[in-house]
ModelCIF file with pLDDT and N, C-alpha, C, O atoms, coordinates in Angstrom:
data_MODEL
#
_entry.id   MODEL 
#
_entity.id                         1 
_entity.type                       polymer 
_entity.pdbx_number_of_molecules   1 
#
_entity_poly.entity_id                      1 
_entity_poly.type                           'polypeptide(L)' 
_entity_poly.nstd_linkage                   no 
_entity_poly.nstd_monomer                   no 
_entity_poly.pdbx_seq_one_letter_code       FGADLEGANLFGAYLAEANLKEANLWEANLWEANLFEAYLWGANLAE 
_entity_poly.pdbx_seq_one_letter_code_can   FGADLEGANLFGAYLAEANLKEANLWEANLWEANLFEAYLWGANLAE 
_entity_poly.pdbx_strand_id                 A 
#
loop_
_entity_poly_seq.entity_id 
_entity_poly_seq.num 
_entity_poly_seq.mon_id 
_entity_poly_seq.hetero 
1 1  PHE n 
1 2  GLY n 
1 3  ALA n 
1 4  ASP n 
1 5  LEU n 
1 6  GLU n 
1 7  GLY n 
1 8  ALA n 
1 9  ASN n 
1 10 LEU n 
1 11 PHE n 
1 12 GLY n 
1 13 ALA n 
1 14 TYR n 
1 15 LEU n 
1 16 ALA n 
1 17 GLU n 
1 18 ALA n 
1 19 ASN n 
1 20 LEU n 
1 21 LYS n 
1 22 GLU n 
1 23 ALA n 
1 24 ASN n 
1 25 LEU n 
1 26 TRP n 
1 27 GLU n 
1 28 ALA n 
1 29 ASN n 
1 30 LEU n 
1 31 TRP n 
1 32 GLU n 
1 33 ALA n 
1 34 ASN n 
1 35 LEU n 
1 36 PHE n 
1 37 GLU n 
1 38 ALA n 
1 39 TYR n 
1 40 LEU n 
1 41 TRP n 
1 42 GLY n 
1 43 ALA n 
1 44 ASN n 
1 45 LEU n 
1 46 ALA n 
1 47 GLU n 
#
_struct_asym.id          A 
_struct_asym.entity_id   1 
#
loop_
_ma_qa_metric.id 
_ma_qa_metric.mode 
_ma_qa_metric.name 
_ma_qa_metric.software_group_id 
_ma_qa_metric.type 
1 global pLDDT . pLDDT 
2 local  pLDDT . pLDDT 
#
_ma_qa_metric_global.metric_id      1 
_ma_qa_metric_global.metric_value   97.98 
_ma_qa_metric_global.model_id       1 
_ma_qa_metric_global.ordinal_id     1 
#
loop_
_ma_qa_metric_local.label_asym_id 
_ma_qa_metric_local.label_comp_id 
_ma_qa_metric_local.label_seq_id 
_ma_qa_metric_local.metric_id 
_ma_qa_metric_local.metric_value 
_ma_qa_metric_local.model_id 
_ma_qa_metric_local.ordinal_id 
A PHE 1  2 98.00 1 1  
A GLY 2  2 98.00 1 2  
A ALA 3  2 98.00 1 3  
A ASP 4  2 98.00 1 4  
A LEU 5  2 98.00 1 5  
A GLU 6  2 98.00 1 6  
A GLY 7  2 98.00 1 7  
A ALA 8  2 98.00 1 8  
A ASN 9  2 98.00 1 9  
A LEU 10 2 98.00 1 10 
A PHE 11 2 98.00 1 11 
A GLY 12 2 98.00 1 12 
A ALA 13 2 98.00 1 13 
A TYR 14 2 98.00 1 14 
A LEU 15 2 98.00 1 15 
A ALA 16 2 98.00 1 16 
A GLU 17 2 98.00 1 17 
A ALA 18 2 98.00 1 18 
A ASN 19 2 98.00 1 19 
A LEU 20 2 98.00 1 20 
A LYS 21 2 98.00 1 21 
A GLU 22 2 98.00 1 22 
A ALA 23 2 98.00 1 23 
A ASN 24 2 98.00 1 24 
A LEU 25 2 98.00 1 25 
A TRP 26 2 98.00 1 26 
A GLU 27 2 98.00 1 27 
A ALA 28 2 98.00 1 28 
A ASN 29 2 98.00 1 29 
A LEU 30 2 98.00 1 30 
A TRP 31 2 98.00 1 31 
A GLU 32 2 98.00 1 32 
A ALA 33 2 98.00 1 33 
A ASN 34 2 98.00 1 34 
A LEU 35 2 98.00 1 35 
A PHE 36 2 98.00 1 36 
A GLU 37 2 98.00 1 37 
A ALA 38 2 98.00 1 38 
A TYR 39 2 98.00 1 39 
A LEU 40 2 98.00 1 40 
A TRP 41 2 97.00 1 41 
A GLY 42 2 98.00 1 42 
A ALA 43 2 98.00 1 43 
A ASN 44 2 98.00 1 44 
A LEU 45 2 98.00 1 45 
A ALA 46 2 98.00 1 46 
A GLU 47 2 98.00 1 47 
#
loop_
_atom_site.group_PDB 
_atom_site.id 
_atom_site.type_symbol 
_atom_site.label_atom_id 
_atom_site.label_alt_id 
_atom_site.label_comp_id 
_atom_site.label_asym_id 
_atom_site.label_entity_id 
_atom_site.label_seq_id 
_atom_site.pdbx_PDB_ins_code 
_atom_site.Cartn_x 
_atom_site.Cartn_y 
_atom_site.Cartn_z 
_atom_site.occupancy 
_atom_site.B_iso_or_equiv 
_atom_site.pdbx_formal_charge 
_atom_site.auth_seq_id 
_atom_site.auth_comp_id 
_atom_site.auth_asym_id 
_atom_site.auth_atom_id 
_atom_site.pdbx_PDB_model_num 
ATOM 1   N N  . PHE A 1 1  ? 8.785   -3.655  -1.459 1.00 98.00 ? 1  PHE A N  1 
ATOM 2   C CA . PHE A 1 1  ? 9.511   -3.368  -0.221 1.00 98.00 ? 1  PHE A CA 1 
ATOM 3   C C  . PHE A 1 1  ? 10.218  -2.012  -0.345 1.00 98.00 ? 1  PHE A C  1 
ATOM 4   O O  . PHE A 1 1  ? 11.030  -1.801  -1.246 1.00 98.00 ? 1  PHE A O  1 
ATOM 5   N N  . GLY A 1 2  ? 9.894   -1.104  0.572  1.00 98.00 ? 2  GLY A N  1 
ATOM 6   C CA . GLY A 1 2  ? 10.542  0.202   0.597  1.00 98.00 ? 2  GLY A CA 1 
ATOM 7   C C  . GLY A 1 2  ? 10.215  1.105   -0.580 1.00 98.00 ? 2  GLY A C  1 
ATOM 8   O O  . GLY A 1 2  ? 10.878  2.127   -0.763 1.00 98.00 ? 2  GLY A O  1 
ATOM 9   N N  . ALA A 1 3  ? 9.227   0.766   -1.373 1.00 98.00 ? 3  ALA A N  1 
ATOM 10  C CA . ALA A 1 3  ? 8.863   1.596   -2.527 1.00 98.00 ? 3  ALA A CA 1 
ATOM 11  C C  . ALA A 1 3  ? 8.204   2.892   -2.062 1.00 98.00 ? 3  ALA A C  1 
ATOM 12  O O  . ALA A 1 3  ? 7.548   2.926   -1.022 1.00 98.00 ? 3  ALA A O  1 
ATOM 13  N N  . ASP A 1 4  ? 8.385   3.948   -2.837 1.00 98.00 ? 4  ASP A N  1 
ATOM 14  C CA . ASP A 1 4  ? 7.763   5.233   -2.525 1.00 98.00 ? 4  ASP A CA 1 
ATOM 15  C C  . ASP A 1 4  ? 6.509   5.383   -3.375 1.00 98.00 ? 4  ASP A C  1 
ATOM 16  O O  . ASP A 1 4  ? 6.575   5.674   -4.570 1.00 98.00 ? 4  ASP A O  1 
ATOM 17  N N  . LEU A 1 5  ? 5.357   5.175   -2.725 1.00 98.00 ? 5  LEU A N  1 
ATOM 18  C CA . LEU A 1 5  ? 4.054   5.263   -3.379 1.00 98.00 ? 5  LEU A CA 1 
ATOM 19  C C  . LEU A 1 5  ? 3.257   6.448   -2.830 1.00 98.00 ? 5  LEU A C  1 
ATOM 20  O O  . LEU A 1 5  ? 2.026   6.434   -2.834 1.00 98.00 ? 5  LEU A O  1 
ATOM 21  N N  . GLU A 1 6  ? 3.968   7.466   -2.361 1.00 98.00 ? 6  GLU A N  1 
ATOM 22  C CA . GLU A 1 6  ? 3.302   8.630   -1.796 1.00 98.00 ? 6  GLU A CA 1 
ATOM 23  C C  . GLU A 1 6  ? 2.326   9.220   -2.802 1.00 98.00 ? 6  GLU A C  1 
ATOM 24  O O  . GLU A 1 6  ? 2.691   9.524   -3.938 1.00 98.00 ? 6  GLU A O  1 
ATOM 25  N N  . GLY A 1 7  ? 1.077   9.378   -2.368 1.00 98.00 ? 7  GLY A N  1 
ATOM 26  C CA . GLY A 1 7  ? 0.051   9.986   -3.206 1.00 98.00 ? 7  GLY A CA 1 
ATOM 27  C C  . GLY A 1 7  ? -0.368  9.157   -4.413 1.00 98.00 ? 7  GLY A C  1 
ATOM 28  O O  . GLY A 1 7  ? -1.075  9.659   -5.287 1.00 98.00 ? 7  GLY A O  1 
ATOM 29  N N  . ALA A 1 8  ? 0.051   7.911   -4.476 1.00 98.00 ? 8  ALA A N  1 
ATOM 30  C CA . ALA A 1 8  ? -0.303  7.060   -5.618 1.00 98.00 ? 8  ALA A CA 1 
ATOM 31  C C  . ALA A 1 8  ? -1.789  6.713   -5.586 1.00 98.00 ? 8  ALA A C  1 
ATOM 32  O O  . ALA A 1 8  ? -2.397  6.633   -4.518 1.00 98.00 ? 8  ALA A O  1 
ATOM 33  N N  . ASN A 1 9  ? -2.362  6.508   -6.769 1.00 98.00 ? 9  ASN A N  1 
ATOM 34  C CA . ASN A 1 9  ? -3.754  6.094   -6.881 1.00 98.00 ? 9  ASN A CA 1 
ATOM 35  C C  . ASN A 1 9  ? -3.795  4.590   -7.102 1.00 98.00 ? 9  ASN A C  1 
ATOM 36  O O  . ASN A 1 9  ? -3.496  4.105   -8.193 1.00 98.00 ? 9  ASN A O  1 
ATOM 37  N N  . LEU A 1 10 ? -4.171  3.850   -6.052 1.00 98.00 ? 10 LEU A N  1 
ATOM 38  C CA . LEU A 1 10 ? -4.274  2.395   -6.101 1.00 98.00 ? 10 LEU A CA 1 
ATOM 39  C C  . LEU A 1 10 ? -5.730  1.966   -5.951 1.00 98.00 ? 10 LEU A C  1 
ATOM 40  O O  . LEU A 1 10 ? -6.018  0.890   -5.427 1.00 98.00 ? 10 LEU A O  1 
ATOM 41  N N  . PHE A 1 11 ? -6.645  2.816   -6.417 1.00 98.00 ? 11 PHE A N  1 
ATOM 42  C CA . PHE A 1 11 ? -8.066  2.509   -6.330 1.00 98.00 ? 11 PHE A CA 1 
ATOM 43  C C  . PHE A 1 11 ? -8.344  1.163   -6.991 1.00 98.00 ? 11 PHE A C  1 
ATOM 44  O O  . PHE A 1 11 ? -8.030  0.961   -8.164 1.00 98.00 ? 11 PHE A O  1 
ATOM 45  N N  . GLY A 1 12 ? -8.932  0.250   -6.233 1.00 98.00 ? 12 GLY A N  1 
ATOM 46  C CA . GLY A 1 12 ? -9.322  -1.050  -6.770 1.00 98.00 ? 12 GLY A CA 1 
ATOM 47  C C  . GLY A 1 12 ? -8.164  -1.933  -7.208 1.00 98.00 ? 12 GLY A C  1 
ATOM 48  O O  . GLY A 1 12 ? -8.376  -2.928  -7.902 1.00 98.00 ? 12 GLY A O  1 
ATOM 49  N N  . ALA A 1 13 ? -6.950  -1.588  -6.818 1.00 98.00 ? 13 ALA A N  1 
ATOM 50  C CA . ALA A 1 13 ? -5.784  -2.395  -7.213 1.00 98.00 ? 13 ALA A CA 1 
ATOM 51  C C  . ALA A 1 13 ? -5.795  -3.742  -6.496 1.00 98.00 ? 13 ALA A C  1 
ATOM 52  O O  . ALA A 1 13 ? -6.310  -3.869  -5.385 1.00 98.00 ? 13 ALA A O  1 
ATOM 53  N N  . TYR A 1 14 ? -5.225  -4.728  -7.147 1.00 98.00 ? 14 TYR A N  1 
ATOM 54  C CA . TYR A 1 14 ? -5.146  -6.086  -6.591 1.00 98.00 ? 14 TYR A CA 1 
ATOM 55  C C  . TYR A 1 14 ? -3.726  -6.298  -6.080 1.00 98.00 ? 14 TYR A C  1 
ATOM 56  O O  . TYR A 1 14 ? -2.791  -6.496  -6.855 1.00 98.00 ? 14 TYR A O  1 
ATOM 57  N N  . LEU A 1 15 ? -3.586  -6.251  -4.748 1.00 98.00 ? 15 LEU A N  1 
ATOM 58  C CA . LEU A 1 15 ? -2.287  -6.348  -4.086 1.00 98.00 ? 15 LEU A CA 1 
ATOM 59  C C  . LEU A 1 15 ? -2.216  -7.544  -3.147 1.00 98.00 ? 15 LEU A C  1 
ATOM 60  O O  . LEU A 1 15 ? -1.467  -7.524  -2.170 1.00 98.00 ? 15 LEU A O  1 
ATOM 61  N N  . ALA A 1 16 ? -2.991  -8.582  -3.437 1.00 98.00 ? 16 ALA A N  1 
ATOM 62  C CA . ALA A 1 16 ? -2.991  -9.766  -2.576 1.00 98.00 ? 16 ALA A CA 1 
ATOM 63  C C  . ALA A 1 16 ? -1.577  -10.321 -2.482 1.00 98.00 ? 16 ALA A C  1 
ATOM 64  O O  . ALA A 1 16 ? -0.885  -10.472 -3.489 1.00 98.00 ? 16 ALA A O  1 
ATOM 65  N N  . GLU A 1 17 ? -1.162  -10.621 -1.263 1.00 98.00 ? 17 GLU A N  1 
ATOM 66  C CA . GLU A 1 17 ? 0.137   -11.216 -0.952 1.00 98.00 ? 17 GLU A CA 1 
ATOM 67  C C  . GLU A 1 17 ? 1.325   -10.376 -1.429 1.00 98.00 ? 17 GLU A C  1 
ATOM 68  O O  . GLU A 1 17 ? 2.431   -10.894 -1.579 1.00 98.00 ? 17 GLU A O  1 
ATOM 69  N N  . ALA A 1 18 ? 1.098   -9.085  -1.667 1.00 98.00 ? 18 ALA A N  1 
ATOM 70  C CA . ALA A 1 18 ? 2.188   -8.191  -2.057 1.00 98.00 ? 18 ALA A CA 1 
ATOM 71  C C  . ALA A 1 18 ? 3.036   -7.845  -0.836 1.00 98.00 ? 18 ALA A C  1 
ATOM 72  O O  . ALA A 1 18 ? 2.533   -7.789  0.286  1.00 98.00 ? 18 ALA A O  1 
ATOM 73  N N  . ASN A 1 19 ? 4.321   -7.614  -1.067 1.00 98.00 ? 19 ASN A N  1 
ATOM 74  C CA . ASN A 1 19 ? 5.236   -7.196  -0.012 1.00 98.00 ? 19 ASN A CA 1 
ATOM 75  C C  . ASN A 1 19 ? 5.362   -5.680  -0.057 1.00 98.00 ? 19 ASN A C  1 
ATOM 76  O O  . ASN A 1 19 ? 6.014   -5.125  -0.941 1.00 98.00 ? 19 ASN A O  1 
ATOM 77  N N  . LEU A 1 20 ? 4.728   -5.018  0.907  1.00 98.00 ? 20 LEU A N  1 
ATOM 78  C CA . LEU A 1 20 ? 4.779   -3.569  1.026  1.00 98.00 ? 20 LEU A CA 1 
ATOM 79  C C  . LEU A 1 20 ? 5.498   -3.163  2.311  1.00 98.00 ? 20 LEU A C  1 
ATOM 80  O O  . LEU A 1 20 ? 5.247   -2.092  2.863  1.00 98.00 ? 20 LEU A O  1 
ATOM 81  N N  . LYS A 1 21 ? 6.388   -4.025  2.774  1.00 98.00 ? 21 LYS A N  1 
ATOM 82  C CA . LYS A 1 21 ? 7.136   -3.751  4.006  1.00 98.00 ? 21 LYS A CA 1 
ATOM 83  C C  . LYS A 1 21 ? 7.882   -2.426  3.850  1.00 98.00 ? 21 LYS A C  1 
ATOM 84  O O  . LYS A 1 21 ? 8.609   -2.208  2.881  1.00 98.00 ? 21 LYS A O  1 
ATOM 85  N N  . GLU A 1 22 ? 7.677   -1.553  4.831  1.00 98.00 ? 22 GLU A N  1 
ATOM 86  C CA . GLU A 1 22 ? 8.338   -0.253  4.917  1.00 98.00 ? 22 GLU A CA 1 
ATOM 87  C C  . GLU A 1 22 ? 8.095   0.640   3.697  1.00 98.00 ? 22 GLU A C  1 
ATOM 88  O O  . GLU A 1 22 ? 8.856   1.577   3.453  1.00 98.00 ? 22 GLU A O  1 
ATOM 89  N N  . ALA A 1 23 ? 7.042   0.355   2.933  1.00 98.00 ? 23 ALA A N  1 
ATOM 90  C CA . ALA A 1 23 ? 6.692   1.203   1.793  1.00 98.00 ? 23 ALA A CA 1 
ATOM 91  C C  . ALA A 1 23 ? 6.085   2.516   2.280  1.00 98.00 ? 23 ALA A C  1 
ATOM 92  O O  . ALA A 1 23 ? 5.447   2.568   3.331  1.00 98.00 ? 23 ALA A O  1 
ATOM 93  N N  . ASN A 1 24 ? 6.291   3.566   1.506  1.00 98.00 ? 24 ASN A N  1 
ATOM 94  C CA . ASN A 1 24 ? 5.702   4.857   1.823  1.00 98.00 ? 24 ASN A CA 1 
ATOM 95  C C  . ASN A 1 24 ? 4.413   5.006   1.024  1.00 98.00 ? 24 ASN A C  1 
ATOM 96  O O  . ASN A 1 24 ? 4.438   5.195   -0.192 1.00 98.00 ? 24 ASN A O  1 
ATOM 97  N N  . LEU A 1 25 ? 3.284   4.917   1.727  1.00 98.00 ? 25 LEU A N  1 
ATOM 98  C CA . LEU A 1 25 ? 1.965   5.046   1.112  1.00 98.00 ? 25 LEU A CA 1 
ATOM 99  C C  . LEU A 1 25 ? 1.231   6.263   1.677  1.00 98.00 ? 25 LEU A C  1 
ATOM 100 O O  . LEU A 1 25 ? 0.002   6.286   1.732  1.00 98.00 ? 25 LEU A O  1 
ATOM 101 N N  . TRP A 1 26 ? 1.993   7.268   2.094  1.00 98.00 ? 26 TRP A N  1 
ATOM 102 C CA . TRP A 1 26 ? 1.406   8.470   2.665  1.00 98.00 ? 26 TRP A CA 1 
ATOM 103 C C  . TRP A 1 26 ? 0.475   9.115   1.643  1.00 98.00 ? 26 TRP A C  1 
ATOM 104 O O  . TRP A 1 26 ? 0.862   9.389   0.507  1.00 98.00 ? 26 TRP A O  1 
ATOM 105 N N  . GLU A 1 27 ? -0.748  9.345   2.074  1.00 98.00 ? 27 GLU A N  1 
ATOM 106 C CA . GLU A 1 27 ? -1.814  9.947   1.262  1.00 98.00 ? 27 GLU A CA 1 
ATOM 107 C C  . GLU A 1 27 ? -2.145  9.155   -0.001 1.00 98.00 ? 27 GLU A C  1 
ATOM 108 O O  . GLU A 1 27 ? -2.693  9.713   -0.952 1.00 98.00 ? 27 GLU A O  1 
ATOM 109 N N  . ALA A 1 28 ? -1.823  7.876   -0.022 1.00 98.00 ? 28 ALA A N  1 
ATOM 110 C CA . ALA A 1 28 ? -2.171  7.036   -1.174 1.00 98.00 ? 28 ALA A CA 1 
ATOM 111 C C  . ALA A 1 28 ? -3.659  6.710   -1.146 1.00 98.00 ? 28 ALA A C  1 
ATOM 112 O O  . ALA A 1 28 ? -4.270  6.628   -0.080 1.00 98.00 ? 28 ALA A O  1 
ATOM 113 N N  . ASN A 1 29 ? -4.226  6.528   -2.321 1.00 98.00 ? 29 ASN A N  1 
ATOM 114 C CA . ASN A 1 29 ? -5.630  6.151   -2.431 1.00 98.00 ? 29 ASN A CA 1 
ATOM 115 C C  . ASN A 1 29 ? -5.715  4.642   -2.642 1.00 98.00 ? 29 ASN A C  1 
ATOM 116 O O  . ASN A 1 29 ? -5.425  4.140   -3.728 1.00 98.00 ? 29 ASN A O  1 
ATOM 117 N N  . LEU A 1 30 ? -6.116  3.926   -1.590 1.00 98.00 ? 30 LEU A N  1 
ATOM 118 C CA . LEU A 1 30 ? -6.264  2.474   -1.640 1.00 98.00 ? 30 LEU A CA 1 
ATOM 119 C C  . LEU A 1 30 ? -7.737  2.091   -1.500 1.00 98.00 ? 30 LEU A C  1 
ATOM 120 O O  . LEU A 1 30 ? -8.061  1.009   -1.009 1.00 98.00 ? 30 LEU A O  1 
ATOM 121 N N  . TRP A 1 31 ? -8.610  2.970   -1.929 1.00 98.00 ? 31 TRP A N  1 
ATOM 122 C CA . TRP A 1 31 ? -10.046 2.737   -1.822 1.00 98.00 ? 31 TRP A CA 1 
ATOM 123 C C  . TRP A 1 31 ? -10.383 1.464   -2.586 1.00 98.00 ? 31 TRP A C  1 
ATOM 124 O O  . TRP A 1 31 ? -10.069 1.320   -3.768 1.00 98.00 ? 31 TRP A O  1 
ATOM 125 N N  . GLU A 1 32 ? -11.028 0.551   -1.883 1.00 98.00 ? 32 GLU A N  1 
ATOM 126 C CA . GLU A 1 32 ? -11.475 -0.744  -2.404 1.00 98.00 ? 32 GLU A CA 1 
ATOM 127 C C  . GLU A 1 32 ? -10.330 -1.598  -2.967 1.00 98.00 ? 32 GLU A C  1 
ATOM 128 O O  . GLU A 1 32 ? -10.568 -2.480  -3.792 1.00 98.00 ? 32 GLU A O  1 
ATOM 129 N N  . ALA A 1 33 ? -9.111  -1.346  -2.534 1.00 98.00 ? 33 ALA A N  1 
ATOM 130 C CA . ALA A 1 33 ? -7.972  -2.172  -2.956 1.00 98.00 ? 33 ALA A CA 1 
ATOM 131 C C  . ALA A 1 33 ? -8.042  -3.522  -2.239 1.00 98.00 ? 33 ALA A C  1 
ATOM 132 O O  . ALA A 1 33 ? -8.509  -3.607  -1.103 1.00 98.00 ? 33 ALA A O  1 
ATOM 133 N N  . ASN A 1 34 ? -7.577  -4.568  -2.910 1.00 98.00 ? 34 ASN A N  1 
ATOM 134 C CA . ASN A 1 34 ? -7.535  -5.897  -2.320 1.00 98.00 ? 34 ASN A CA 1 
ATOM 135 C C  . ASN A 1 34 ? -6.121  -6.141  -1.809 1.00 98.00 ? 34 ASN A C  1 
ATOM 136 O O  . ASN A 1 34 ? -5.189  -6.340  -2.588 1.00 98.00 ? 34 ASN A O  1 
ATOM 137 N N  . LEU A 1 35 ? -5.981  -6.121  -0.484 1.00 98.00 ? 35 LEU A N  1 
ATOM 138 C CA . LEU A 1 35 ? -4.696  -6.320  0.175  1.00 98.00 ? 35 LEU A CA 1 
ATOM 139 C C  . LEU A 1 35 ? -4.723  -7.611  1.001  1.00 98.00 ? 35 LEU A C  1 
ATOM 140 O O  . LEU A 1 35 ? -4.135  -7.678  2.080  1.00 98.00 ? 35 LEU A O  1 
ATOM 141 N N  . PHE A 1 36 ? -5.403  -8.624  0.486  1.00 98.00 ? 36 PHE A N  1 
ATOM 142 C CA . PHE A 1 36 ? -5.514  -9.908  1.178  1.00 98.00 ? 36 PHE A CA 1 
ATOM 143 C C  . PHE A 1 36 ? -4.121  -10.458 1.459  1.00 98.00 ? 36 PHE A C  1 
ATOM 144 O O  . PHE A 1 36 ? -3.316  -10.664 0.550  1.00 98.00 ? 36 PHE A O  1 
ATOM 145 N N  . GLU A 1 37 ? -3.860  -10.690 2.744  1.00 98.00 ? 37 GLU A N  1 
ATOM 146 C CA . GLU A 1 37 ? -2.586  -11.247 3.219  1.00 98.00 ? 37 GLU A CA 1 
ATOM 147 C C  . GLU A 1 37 ? -1.367  -10.463 2.732  1.00 98.00 ? 37 GLU A C  1 
ATOM 148 O O  . GLU A 1 37 ? -0.280  -11.023 2.592  1.00 98.00 ? 37 GLU A O  1 
ATOM 149 N N  . ALA A 1 38 ? -1.554  -9.163  2.473  1.00 98.00 ? 38 ALA A N  1 
ATOM 150 C CA . ALA A 1 38 ? -0.422  -8.314  2.096  1.00 98.00 ? 38 ALA A CA 1 
ATOM 151 C C  . ALA A 1 38 ? 0.461   -8.079  3.314  1.00 98.00 ? 38 ALA A C  1 
ATOM 152 O O  . ALA A 1 38 ? -0.012  -8.086  4.451  1.00 98.00 ? 38 ALA A O  1 
ATOM 153 N N  . TYR A 1 39 ? 1.736   -7.874  3.063  1.00 98.00 ? 39 TYR A N  1 
ATOM 154 C CA . TYR A 1 39 ? 2.713   -7.658  4.120  1.00 98.00 ? 39 TYR A CA 1 
ATOM 155 C C  . TYR A 1 39 ? 3.025   -6.169  4.171  1.00 98.00 ? 39 TYR A C  1 
ATOM 156 O O  . TYR A 1 39 ? 3.773   -5.647  3.345  1.00 98.00 ? 39 TYR A O  1 
ATOM 157 N N  . LEU A 1 40 ? 2.428   -5.484  5.171  1.00 98.00 ? 40 LEU A N  1 
ATOM 158 C CA . LEU A 1 40 ? 2.557   -4.040  5.309  1.00 98.00 ? 40 LEU A CA 1 
ATOM 159 C C  . LEU A 1 40 ? 3.311   -3.655  6.583  1.00 98.00 ? 40 LEU A C  1 
ATOM 160 O O  . LEU A 1 40 ? 3.110   -2.572  7.133  1.00 98.00 ? 40 LEU A O  1 
ATOM 161 N N  . TRP A 1 41 ? 4.173   -4.548  7.037  1.00 97.00 ? 41 TRP A N  1 
ATOM 162 C CA . TRP A 1 41 ? 4.924   -4.313  8.268  1.00 97.00 ? 41 TRP A CA 1 
ATOM 163 C C  . TRP A 1 41 ? 5.731   -3.020  8.133  1.00 97.00 ? 41 TRP A C  1 
ATOM 164 O O  . TRP A 1 41 ? 6.549   -2.870  7.225  1.00 97.00 ? 41 TRP A O  1 
ATOM 165 N N  . GLY A 1 42 ? 5.480   -2.093  9.057  1.00 98.00 ? 42 GLY A N  1 
ATOM 166 C CA . GLY A 1 42 ? 6.229   -0.846  9.083  1.00 98.00 ? 42 GLY A CA 1 
ATOM 167 C C  . GLY A 1 42 ? 5.930   0.128   7.950  1.00 98.00 ? 42 GLY A C  1 
ATOM 168 O O  . GLY A 1 42 ? 6.652   1.109   7.773  1.00 98.00 ? 42 GLY A O  1 
ATOM 169 N N  . ALA A 1 43 ? 4.883   -0.130  7.188  1.00 98.00 ? 43 ALA A N  1 
ATOM 170 C CA . ALA A 1 43 ? 4.533   0.763   6.079  1.00 98.00 ? 43 ALA A CA 1 
ATOM 171 C C  . ALA A 1 43 ? 3.969   2.080   6.610  1.00 98.00 ? 43 ALA A C  1 
ATOM 172 O O  . ALA A 1 43 ? 3.345   2.117   7.670  1.00 98.00 ? 43 ALA A O  1 
ATOM 173 N N  . ASN A 1 44 ? 4.194   3.151   5.865  1.00 98.00 ? 44 ASN A N  1 
ATOM 174 C CA . ASN A 1 44 ? 3.640   4.450   6.219  1.00 98.00 ? 44 ASN A CA 1 
ATOM 175 C C  . ASN A 1 44 ? 2.327   4.626   5.467  1.00 98.00 ? 44 ASN A C  1 
ATOM 176 O O  . ASN A 1 44 ? 2.315   4.902   4.267  1.00 98.00 ? 44 ASN A O  1 
ATOM 177 N N  . LEU A 1 45 ? 1.222   4.461   6.191  1.00 98.00 ? 45 LEU A N  1 
ATOM 178 C CA . LEU A 1 45 ? -0.118  4.614   5.633  1.00 98.00 ? 45 LEU A CA 1 
ATOM 179 C C  . LEU A 1 45 ? -0.809  5.858   6.193  1.00 98.00 ? 45 LEU A C  1 
ATOM 180 O O  . LEU A 1 45 ? -2.035  5.961   6.154  1.00 98.00 ? 45 LEU A O  1 
ATOM 181 N N  . ALA A 1 46 ? -0.026  6.793   6.708  1.00 98.00 ? 46 ALA A N  1 
ATOM 182 C CA . ALA A 1 46 ? -0.588  8.014   7.282  1.00 98.00 ? 46 ALA A CA 1 
ATOM 183 C C  . ALA A 1 46 ? -1.395  8.754   6.214  1.00 98.00 ? 46 ALA A C  1 
ATOM 184 O O  . ALA A 1 46 ? -0.937  8.946   5.088  1.00 98.00 ? 46 ALA A O  1 
ATOM 185 N N  . GLU A 1 47 ? -2.599  9.161   6.594  1.00 98.00 ? 47 GLU A N  1 
ATOM 186 C CA . GLU A 1 47 ? -3.503  9.917   5.723  1.00 98.00 ? 47 GLU A CA 1 
ATOM 187 C C  . GLU A 1 47 ? -3.932  9.143   4.476  1.00 98.00 ? 47 GLU A C  1 
ATOM 188 O O  . GLU A 1 47 ? -4.692  9.662   3.658  1.00 98.00 ? 47 GLU A O  1 
#
């Protein structure tokens, strides 16, 4: 929640049921990441 993951490499990461509410994921690499039922309410996923 609210973590700053700007530009982080989360390639293939397993984030099932993770709480990413209001997290900053601007320009993060989530290629093939598993976000099954993840909570991304209000997260910044721009770019």
